Each structure stands twice: as structure tokens, then as C-alpha cells.
Amino acid sequence: MNAENETDDSTGLLTFERIAEDLRGQIRSGKLKPGRLLPSQAKLMKTYRASSLTVQKATRLLRDEGLVVSRQGRGTFAAAPGQAREPGTLSQPAKLPADLADTTQELNDVVLRMDQTVKDLTIRISSLEARHRTRDAKKPARPAASSPERGNRRAG
């Protein structure tokens, strides 16, 4: 049995669940305030004597719960209370100040329009590729060059 799947004798939790539970408690108690950087993956690995995969599973669990947000190249941060969200969506507009809620709604609208544009462009590209293949299929084959030296002649 590997460390990721071992249970902690005192809690009965899997290692990644225990790490997530500890961090969850720190976030909810305010020890890790919103916007604060969580300990690095290396520090969590050392603290909990866990593998990189185990720490990643714990932070993924917290991210799925909306308790943390990850920024590539910057780290993982405690999320503001009440800002849990569905994966892949922006924060709930109702939980933000009015100007931010409007901006968030505008961004959501832009994302929806971009998704539709990508779908439309994909259809157009497929159509153009099909027409190109049809046109190429109707063209007669080009004759091969009669002599390989033909391109090496100098004007003179």
C-alpha cells in the first residue's frame, strides 16, 4: 500500500484527506486569511511526510470545494468566504460588490460569445477543408519535371 492510500490511525482519513482537513480548518478558522498564500507544495510534503501527488490531491479537493484558488506560477491561495464556485466558472456575481458583479457578468457573456465563435469557426474551417479536398480531387495530376537539372540552369 502506498502513502497516498494509507489512513491516519488517529482520524481514519486517507493522507490527502487529512491534509485537506487540516488546511480546511485553518481557512475556516481564519488562520489562513482570504488571499493568503498556502504553504508551498514542498513545505506541505515535508510537514505531512507526503508525496507530491498526495499534496496535489489535497489542494485539488480544496479547490473543488471553493476554499482555495490556484494561480499558475504564483501558488495556491485561500479563497474569500462565500466565493465557492463551479469549476471553470467565475465567482458568483451575487456575492460581489455591484461593480464587480457587473464586470463578472460581462466576462461571462464574453466567454459565452467566444465559445460560440469558436464553434462557428470550427464549422467554417471544416467546410473550407471539405471544399479544398473536393477541388484537389478534381484537378488533374501535375506532370513530373522532365529533368532534375532544370532548376539549376543559369540565365546567361
N, C-alpha and C. Protein backbone atom coordinates (compact mmCIF):
# COMPACT_ATOMS: atom_id res chain seq x y z
N MET A 1 0.85 -1.18 0.00
CA MET A 1 0.00 0.00 0.00
C MET A 1 0.90 1.24 0.00
N ASN A 2 0.61 2.26 -0.84
CA ASN A 2 1.45 3.43 -0.87
C ASN A 2 0.92 4.48 0.11
N ALA A 3 1.72 5.53 0.34
CA ALA A 3 1.40 6.53 1.35
C ALA A 3 0.11 7.28 1.03
N GLU A 4 -0.20 7.46 -0.27
CA GLU A 4 -1.40 8.20 -0.64
C GLU A 4 -2.66 7.50 -0.14
N ASN A 5 -2.62 6.17 -0.09
CA ASN A 5 -3.81 5.41 0.26
C ASN A 5 -3.81 4.94 1.71
N GLU A 6 -2.78 5.30 2.48
CA GLU A 6 -2.73 4.90 3.87
C GLU A 6 -3.63 5.81 4.69
N THR A 7 -4.23 5.21 5.72
CA THR A 7 -5.06 6.01 6.60
C THR A 7 -4.28 6.41 7.83
N ASP A 8 -4.65 7.55 8.37
CA ASP A 8 -4.07 8.03 9.60
C ASP A 8 -4.80 7.30 10.72
N ASP A 9 -4.06 6.61 11.59
CA ASP A 9 -4.69 5.81 12.64
C ASP A 9 -5.59 6.63 13.56
N SER A 10 -5.22 7.89 13.81
CA SER A 10 -6.00 8.69 14.76
C SER A 10 -7.28 9.24 14.16
N THR A 11 -7.33 9.46 12.83
CA THR A 11 -8.51 10.06 12.22
C THR A 11 -9.27 9.11 11.30
N GLY A 12 -8.61 8.09 10.80
CA GLY A 12 -9.23 7.18 9.84
C GLY A 12 -9.32 7.77 8.45
N LEU A 13 -8.71 8.94 8.23
CA LEU A 13 -8.73 9.58 6.92
C LEU A 13 -7.53 9.14 6.09
N LEU A 14 -7.72 9.17 4.77
CA LEU A 14 -6.57 8.96 3.89
C LEU A 14 -5.65 10.17 4.04
N THR A 15 -4.38 10.01 3.70
CA THR A 15 -3.41 11.07 3.90
C THR A 15 -3.83 12.37 3.23
N PHE A 16 -4.27 12.31 1.97
CA PHE A 16 -4.65 13.55 1.29
C PHE A 16 -5.88 14.18 1.94
N GLU A 17 -6.78 13.34 2.49
CA GLU A 17 -7.96 13.86 3.17
C GLU A 17 -7.56 14.56 4.48
N ARG A 18 -6.58 14.00 5.16
CA ARG A 18 -6.10 14.60 6.42
C ARG A 18 -5.46 15.95 6.15
N ILE A 19 -4.65 16.04 5.08
CA ILE A 19 -4.02 17.31 4.71
C ILE A 19 -5.10 18.33 4.38
N ALA A 20 -6.07 17.92 3.57
CA ALA A 20 -7.16 18.82 3.18
C ALA A 20 -7.95 19.26 4.41
N GLU A 21 -8.21 18.35 5.33
CA GLU A 21 -8.97 18.68 6.54
C GLU A 21 -8.21 19.69 7.40
N ASP A 22 -6.91 19.51 7.53
CA ASP A 22 -6.09 20.46 8.31
C ASP A 22 -6.13 21.84 7.67
N LEU A 23 -5.91 21.91 6.36
CA LEU A 23 -5.92 23.20 5.66
C LEU A 23 -7.32 23.83 5.69
N ARG A 24 -8.34 23.00 5.53
CA ARG A 24 -9.72 23.48 5.59
C ARG A 24 -9.99 24.14 6.94
N GLY A 25 -9.52 23.49 8.02
CA GLY A 25 -9.69 24.06 9.36
C GLY A 25 -8.97 25.39 9.52
N GLN A 26 -7.76 25.49 8.95
CA GLN A 26 -7.01 26.74 9.04
C GLN A 26 -7.70 27.86 8.27
N ILE A 27 -8.30 27.52 7.13
CA ILE A 27 -9.01 28.53 6.33
C ILE A 27 -10.28 28.98 7.05
N ARG A 28 -11.04 28.01 7.56
CA ARG A 28 -12.32 28.35 8.22
C ARG A 28 -12.11 29.07 9.53
N SER A 29 -11.02 28.78 10.22
CA SER A 29 -10.76 29.44 11.50
C SER A 29 -10.18 30.85 11.30
N GLY A 30 -9.74 31.14 10.09
CA GLY A 30 -9.15 32.45 9.82
C GLY A 30 -7.64 32.47 9.98
N LYS A 31 -7.06 31.34 10.36
CA LYS A 31 -5.59 31.28 10.46
C LYS A 31 -4.98 31.52 9.08
N LEU A 32 -5.60 30.96 8.05
CA LEU A 32 -5.22 31.26 6.66
C LEU A 32 -6.28 32.21 6.13
N LYS A 33 -5.96 33.48 6.09
CA LYS A 33 -6.92 34.50 5.68
C LYS A 33 -7.10 34.52 4.15
N PRO A 34 -8.28 34.98 3.68
CA PRO A 34 -8.52 35.07 2.24
C PRO A 34 -7.41 35.84 1.53
N GLY A 35 -6.95 35.29 0.43
CA GLY A 35 -5.89 35.91 -0.34
C GLY A 35 -4.49 35.52 0.10
N ARG A 36 -4.38 34.85 1.25
CA ARG A 36 -3.07 34.44 1.75
C ARG A 36 -2.59 33.20 1.02
N LEU A 37 -1.31 33.18 0.76
CA LEU A 37 -0.67 32.05 0.08
C LEU A 37 -0.60 30.86 1.03
N LEU A 38 -1.03 29.70 0.55
CA LEU A 38 -0.88 28.47 1.33
C LEU A 38 0.59 28.08 1.33
N PRO A 39 1.01 27.25 2.27
CA PRO A 39 2.39 26.77 2.24
C PRO A 39 2.69 26.11 0.90
N SER A 40 3.93 26.18 0.48
CA SER A 40 4.32 25.59 -0.81
C SER A 40 4.11 24.09 -0.79
N GLN A 41 4.06 23.52 -1.98
CA GLN A 41 3.90 22.08 -2.09
C GLN A 41 5.03 21.37 -1.36
N ALA A 42 6.24 21.87 -1.52
CA ALA A 42 7.40 21.25 -0.86
C ALA A 42 7.25 21.28 0.66
N LYS A 43 6.78 22.41 1.19
CA LYS A 43 6.61 22.54 2.64
C LYS A 43 5.51 21.60 3.12
N LEU A 44 4.40 21.50 2.37
CA LEU A 44 3.33 20.59 2.76
C LEU A 44 3.82 19.14 2.70
N MET A 45 4.62 18.81 1.70
CA MET A 45 5.17 17.45 1.59
C MET A 45 6.00 17.13 2.82
N LYS A 46 6.81 18.08 3.26
CA LYS A 46 7.68 17.87 4.42
C LYS A 46 6.85 17.80 5.71
N THR A 47 5.90 18.72 5.85
CA THR A 47 5.08 18.78 7.06
C THR A 47 4.29 17.50 7.27
N TYR A 48 3.69 17.00 6.20
CA TYR A 48 2.82 15.83 6.31
C TYR A 48 3.51 14.53 5.90
N ARG A 49 4.79 14.61 5.57
CA ARG A 49 5.55 13.45 5.10
C ARG A 49 4.77 12.73 4.01
N ALA A 50 4.40 13.53 2.99
CA ALA A 50 3.55 13.02 1.91
C ALA A 50 4.22 13.27 0.56
N SER A 51 3.76 12.55 -0.43
CA SER A 51 4.29 12.72 -1.78
C SER A 51 3.67 13.95 -2.45
N SER A 52 4.27 14.32 -3.55
CA SER A 52 3.76 15.44 -4.34
C SER A 52 2.33 15.17 -4.79
N LEU A 53 2.06 13.96 -5.25
CA LEU A 53 0.73 13.58 -5.71
C LEU A 53 -0.30 13.71 -4.59
N THR A 54 0.06 13.31 -3.38
CA THR A 54 -0.86 13.39 -2.25
C THR A 54 -1.20 14.84 -1.93
N VAL A 55 -0.21 15.70 -1.93
CA VAL A 55 -0.44 17.12 -1.66
C VAL A 55 -1.31 17.73 -2.76
N GLN A 56 -1.04 17.35 -4.01
CA GLN A 56 -1.84 17.86 -5.13
C GLN A 56 -3.30 17.42 -5.00
N LYS A 57 -3.52 16.17 -4.58
CA LYS A 57 -4.88 15.68 -4.40
C LYS A 57 -5.60 16.48 -3.31
N ALA A 58 -4.89 16.81 -2.23
CA ALA A 58 -5.48 17.58 -1.14
C ALA A 58 -5.85 18.98 -1.61
N THR A 59 -4.95 19.65 -2.33
CA THR A 59 -5.25 21.01 -2.78
C THR A 59 -6.34 20.99 -3.86
N ARG A 60 -6.38 19.95 -4.68
CA ARG A 60 -7.44 19.83 -5.68
C ARG A 60 -8.81 19.70 -4.99
N LEU A 61 -8.86 18.93 -3.92
CA LEU A 61 -10.09 18.75 -3.16
C LEU A 61 -10.57 20.10 -2.61
N LEU A 62 -9.65 20.87 -2.05
CA LEU A 62 -10.00 22.19 -1.51
C LEU A 62 -10.41 23.15 -2.63
N ARG A 63 -9.75 23.05 -3.77
CA ARG A 63 -10.10 23.90 -4.91
C ARG A 63 -11.51 23.57 -5.40
N ASP A 64 -11.83 22.27 -5.47
CA ASP A 64 -13.16 21.84 -5.89
C ASP A 64 -14.23 22.33 -4.92
N GLU A 65 -13.87 22.48 -3.65
CA GLU A 65 -14.81 22.98 -2.64
C GLU A 65 -14.89 24.50 -2.66
N GLY A 66 -14.01 25.15 -3.42
CA GLY A 66 -14.02 26.60 -3.49
C GLY A 66 -13.29 27.27 -2.34
N LEU A 67 -12.52 26.51 -1.57
CA LEU A 67 -11.82 27.08 -0.43
C LEU A 67 -10.47 27.69 -0.82
N VAL A 68 -9.91 27.25 -1.93
CA VAL A 68 -8.64 27.79 -2.40
C VAL A 68 -8.73 28.05 -3.90
N VAL A 69 -7.86 28.93 -4.36
CA VAL A 69 -7.71 29.18 -5.79
C VAL A 69 -6.24 29.05 -6.12
N SER A 70 -5.96 28.47 -7.27
CA SER A 70 -4.57 28.29 -7.70
C SER A 70 -4.28 29.22 -8.85
N ARG A 71 -3.12 29.81 -8.85
CA ARG A 71 -2.65 30.67 -9.92
C ARG A 71 -1.33 30.10 -10.41
N GLN A 72 -1.33 29.68 -11.67
CA GLN A 72 -0.15 29.04 -12.22
C GLN A 72 1.06 29.95 -12.08
N GLY A 73 2.12 29.40 -11.54
CA GLY A 73 3.36 30.14 -11.37
C GLY A 73 3.37 31.03 -10.14
N ARG A 74 2.23 31.14 -9.44
CA ARG A 74 2.16 32.02 -8.27
C ARG A 74 1.88 31.25 -7.00
N GLY A 75 1.10 30.17 -7.08
CA GLY A 75 0.80 29.38 -5.90
C GLY A 75 -0.68 29.17 -5.69
N THR A 76 -1.01 28.66 -4.49
CA THR A 76 -2.39 28.40 -4.12
C THR A 76 -2.74 29.31 -2.96
N PHE A 77 -3.90 29.97 -3.07
CA PHE A 77 -4.31 30.98 -2.11
C PHE A 77 -5.64 30.61 -1.49
N ALA A 78 -5.83 31.03 -0.23
CA ALA A 78 -7.12 30.85 0.43
C ALA A 78 -8.14 31.75 -0.27
N ALA A 79 -9.30 31.21 -0.57
CA ALA A 79 -10.35 31.97 -1.25
C ALA A 79 -11.14 32.77 -0.22
N ALA A 80 -11.79 33.83 -0.69
CA ALA A 80 -12.66 34.61 0.19
C ALA A 80 -13.87 33.78 0.57
N PRO A 81 -14.38 33.93 1.79
CA PRO A 81 -15.55 33.15 2.20
C PRO A 81 -16.74 33.42 1.28
N GLY A 82 -17.52 32.38 1.03
CA GLY A 82 -18.73 32.52 0.22
C GLY A 82 -18.47 32.64 -1.26
N GLN A 83 -17.25 32.42 -1.69
CA GLN A 83 -16.97 32.53 -3.11
C GLN A 83 -16.72 31.18 -3.74
N ALA A 84 -17.29 30.13 -3.17
CA ALA A 84 -17.18 28.81 -3.78
C ALA A 84 -17.87 28.88 -5.14
N ARG A 85 -17.33 28.16 -6.10
CA ARG A 85 -17.88 28.22 -7.44
C ARG A 85 -17.69 26.89 -8.15
N GLU A 86 -18.44 26.75 -9.21
CA GLU A 86 -18.31 25.57 -10.05
C GLU A 86 -16.96 25.65 -10.76
N PRO A 87 -16.28 24.52 -10.95
CA PRO A 87 -15.02 24.56 -11.69
C PRO A 87 -15.24 25.16 -13.07
N GLY A 88 -14.34 26.04 -13.48
CA GLY A 88 -14.39 26.63 -14.82
C GLY A 88 -15.30 27.84 -14.93
N THR A 89 -15.88 28.31 -13.82
CA THR A 89 -16.71 29.49 -13.89
C THR A 89 -16.12 30.59 -13.02
N LEU A 90 -16.58 31.79 -13.24
CA LEU A 90 -16.14 32.91 -12.43
C LEU A 90 -16.93 32.94 -11.14
N SER A 91 -16.49 33.74 -10.18
CA SER A 91 -17.17 33.84 -8.90
C SER A 91 -18.63 34.24 -9.09
N GLN A 92 -19.45 33.88 -8.14
CA GLN A 92 -20.86 34.19 -8.19
C GLN A 92 -21.07 35.70 -8.13
N PRO A 93 -21.70 36.32 -9.13
CA PRO A 93 -21.90 37.77 -9.12
C PRO A 93 -22.66 38.26 -7.91
N ALA A 94 -23.60 37.50 -7.36
CA ALA A 94 -24.41 37.97 -6.24
C ALA A 94 -23.58 38.17 -4.98
N LYS A 95 -22.42 37.56 -4.90
CA LYS A 95 -21.60 37.66 -3.71
C LYS A 95 -20.51 38.72 -3.84
N LEU A 96 -20.54 39.48 -4.91
CA LEU A 96 -19.54 40.51 -5.15
C LEU A 96 -20.18 41.89 -5.09
N PRO A 97 -19.38 42.92 -4.83
CA PRO A 97 -19.92 44.28 -4.93
C PRO A 97 -20.50 44.50 -6.33
N ALA A 98 -21.43 45.44 -6.43
CA ALA A 98 -22.18 45.65 -7.68
C ALA A 98 -21.28 45.84 -8.89
N ASP A 99 -20.24 46.68 -8.79
CA ASP A 99 -19.40 46.93 -9.96
C ASP A 99 -18.65 45.67 -10.38
N LEU A 100 -18.21 44.87 -9.42
CA LEU A 100 -17.54 43.62 -9.75
C LEU A 100 -18.53 42.60 -10.31
N ALA A 101 -19.75 42.61 -9.78
CA ALA A 101 -20.77 41.69 -10.29
C ALA A 101 -21.06 42.01 -11.75
N ASP A 102 -21.15 43.30 -12.10
CA ASP A 102 -21.38 43.68 -13.49
C ASP A 102 -20.22 43.22 -14.37
N THR A 103 -19.01 43.45 -13.90
CA THR A 103 -17.83 43.06 -14.67
C THR A 103 -17.79 41.54 -14.84
N THR A 104 -18.10 40.82 -13.78
CA THR A 104 -18.11 39.36 -13.86
C THR A 104 -19.15 38.89 -14.87
N GLN A 105 -20.32 39.50 -14.84
CA GLN A 105 -21.37 39.13 -15.79
C GLN A 105 -20.91 39.42 -17.23
N GLU A 106 -20.27 40.57 -17.42
CA GLU A 106 -19.76 40.91 -18.75
C GLU A 106 -18.74 39.88 -19.21
N LEU A 107 -17.85 39.48 -18.30
CA LEU A 107 -16.85 38.47 -18.66
C LEU A 107 -17.51 37.13 -18.99
N ASN A 108 -18.51 36.75 -18.22
CA ASN A 108 -19.22 35.52 -18.52
C ASN A 108 -19.86 35.59 -19.90
N ASP A 109 -20.45 36.76 -20.23
CA ASP A 109 -21.06 36.95 -21.56
C ASP A 109 -20.00 36.84 -22.67
N VAL A 110 -18.84 37.44 -22.43
CA VAL A 110 -17.75 37.37 -23.42
C VAL A 110 -17.32 35.93 -23.63
N VAL A 111 -17.19 35.19 -22.54
CA VAL A 111 -16.78 33.79 -22.64
C VAL A 111 -17.80 33.00 -23.46
N LEU A 112 -19.08 33.23 -23.21
CA LEU A 112 -20.12 32.53 -23.97
C LEU A 112 -20.05 32.88 -25.46
N ARG A 113 -19.84 34.18 -25.76
CA ARG A 113 -19.72 34.59 -27.17
C ARG A 113 -18.48 33.97 -27.80
N MET A 114 -17.39 33.92 -27.04
CA MET A 114 -16.16 33.31 -27.58
C MET A 114 -16.37 31.83 -27.86
N ASP A 115 -17.03 31.14 -26.96
CA ASP A 115 -17.33 29.71 -27.18
C ASP A 115 -18.13 29.52 -28.46
N GLN A 116 -19.14 30.37 -28.67
CA GLN A 116 -19.97 30.27 -29.87
C GLN A 116 -19.15 30.58 -31.10
N THR A 117 -18.27 31.59 -31.02
CA THR A 117 -17.43 31.95 -32.16
C THR A 117 -16.50 30.80 -32.53
N VAL A 118 -15.93 30.15 -31.52
CA VAL A 118 -15.05 29.00 -31.78
C VAL A 118 -15.83 27.89 -32.48
N LYS A 119 -17.05 27.63 -32.01
CA LYS A 119 -17.87 26.60 -32.66
C LYS A 119 -18.16 26.97 -34.10
N ASP A 120 -18.54 28.25 -34.33
CA ASP A 120 -18.83 28.71 -35.69
C ASP A 120 -17.60 28.59 -36.60
N LEU A 121 -16.45 28.99 -36.08
CA LEU A 121 -15.22 28.93 -36.87
C LEU A 121 -14.83 27.49 -37.16
N THR A 122 -15.05 26.61 -36.23
CA THR A 122 -14.75 25.19 -36.45
C THR A 122 -15.59 24.64 -37.59
N ILE A 123 -16.86 25.02 -37.63
CA ILE A 123 -17.74 24.58 -38.71
C ILE A 123 -17.26 25.16 -40.04
N ARG A 124 -16.92 26.45 -40.06
CA ARG A 124 -16.46 27.08 -41.30
C ARG A 124 -15.16 26.45 -41.79
N ILE A 125 -14.24 26.17 -40.89
CA ILE A 125 -12.97 25.55 -41.28
C ILE A 125 -13.22 24.17 -41.88
N SER A 126 -14.09 23.40 -41.23
CA SER A 126 -14.40 22.07 -41.75
C SER A 126 -14.99 22.16 -43.16
N SER A 127 -15.87 23.15 -43.37
CA SER A 127 -16.48 23.34 -44.68
C SER A 127 -15.43 23.72 -45.72
N LEU A 128 -14.53 24.64 -45.36
CA LEU A 128 -13.47 25.04 -46.30
C LEU A 128 -12.53 23.89 -46.61
N GLU A 129 -12.19 23.10 -45.60
CA GLU A 129 -11.32 21.95 -45.83
C GLU A 129 -11.99 20.95 -46.76
N ALA A 130 -13.29 20.73 -46.58
CA ALA A 130 -14.01 19.79 -47.44
C ALA A 130 -14.03 20.31 -48.88
N ARG A 131 -14.28 21.61 -49.07
CA ARG A 131 -14.27 22.17 -50.43
C ARG A 131 -12.88 22.06 -51.04
N HIS A 132 -11.84 22.29 -50.24
CA HIS A 132 -10.47 22.22 -50.74
C HIS A 132 -10.14 20.79 -51.18
N ARG A 133 -10.55 19.81 -50.39
CA ARG A 133 -10.31 18.41 -50.75
C ARG A 133 -11.05 18.05 -52.03
N THR A 134 -12.29 18.52 -52.17
CA THR A 134 -13.08 18.25 -53.37
C THR A 134 -12.42 18.88 -54.59
N ARG A 135 -11.96 20.13 -54.46
CA ARG A 135 -11.31 20.82 -55.57
C ARG A 135 -10.01 20.11 -55.96
N ASP A 136 -9.22 19.70 -54.97
CA ASP A 136 -7.97 18.99 -55.25
C ASP A 136 -8.23 17.65 -55.93
N ALA A 137 -9.30 17.01 -55.55
CA ALA A 137 -9.62 15.70 -56.15
C ALA A 137 -9.99 15.85 -57.62
N LYS A 138 -10.54 17.00 -58.02
CA LYS A 138 -10.95 17.23 -59.41
C LYS A 138 -9.78 17.68 -60.29
N LYS A 139 -8.70 18.18 -59.72
CA LYS A 139 -7.56 18.66 -60.51
C LYS A 139 -6.82 17.47 -61.13
N PRO A 140 -6.37 17.64 -62.40
CA PRO A 140 -5.55 16.58 -62.98
C PRO A 140 -4.19 16.55 -62.30
N ALA A 141 -3.59 15.40 -62.29
CA ALA A 141 -2.27 15.26 -61.66
C ALA A 141 -1.25 16.08 -62.44
N ARG A 142 -0.33 16.74 -61.76
CA ARG A 142 0.71 17.54 -62.41
C ARG A 142 1.79 16.61 -62.95
N PRO A 143 2.26 16.90 -64.15
CA PRO A 143 3.35 16.06 -64.67
C PRO A 143 4.63 16.35 -63.89
N ALA A 144 5.45 15.32 -63.76
CA ALA A 144 6.72 15.47 -63.05
C ALA A 144 7.68 16.25 -63.94
N ALA A 145 8.65 16.93 -63.31
CA ALA A 145 9.66 17.68 -64.07
C ALA A 145 10.45 16.70 -64.92
N SER A 146 10.78 17.11 -66.16
CA SER A 146 11.44 16.20 -67.10
C SER A 146 12.90 15.98 -66.75
N SER A 147 13.54 16.95 -66.12
CA SER A 147 14.96 16.79 -65.82
C SER A 147 15.26 17.43 -64.47
N PRO A 148 16.00 16.73 -63.61
CA PRO A 148 16.34 17.29 -62.31
C PRO A 148 17.26 18.50 -62.42
N GLU A 149 17.96 18.63 -63.55
CA GLU A 149 18.89 19.74 -63.74
C GLU A 149 18.17 21.00 -64.14
N ARG A 150 16.92 20.92 -64.47
CA ARG A 150 16.17 22.03 -65.00
C ARG A 150 16.23 23.27 -64.09
N GLY A 151 16.13 23.08 -62.80
CA GLY A 151 16.16 24.20 -61.87
C GLY A 151 17.53 24.77 -61.64
N ASN A 152 18.59 24.08 -62.11
CA ASN A 152 19.96 24.54 -61.84
C ASN A 152 20.54 25.38 -62.96
N ARG A 153 19.82 25.60 -64.05
CA ARG A 153 20.35 26.37 -65.17
C ARG A 153 20.50 27.84 -64.77
N ARG A 154 21.56 28.44 -65.30
CA ARG A 154 21.78 29.86 -65.05
C ARG A 154 21.37 30.66 -66.27
N ALA A 155 20.78 31.80 -66.01
CA ALA A 155 20.45 32.67 -67.13
C ALA A 155 21.73 33.24 -67.67
N GLY A 156 21.80 33.30 -68.98
CA GLY A 156 23.05 33.84 -69.34
C GLY A 156 23.28 34.24 -70.65
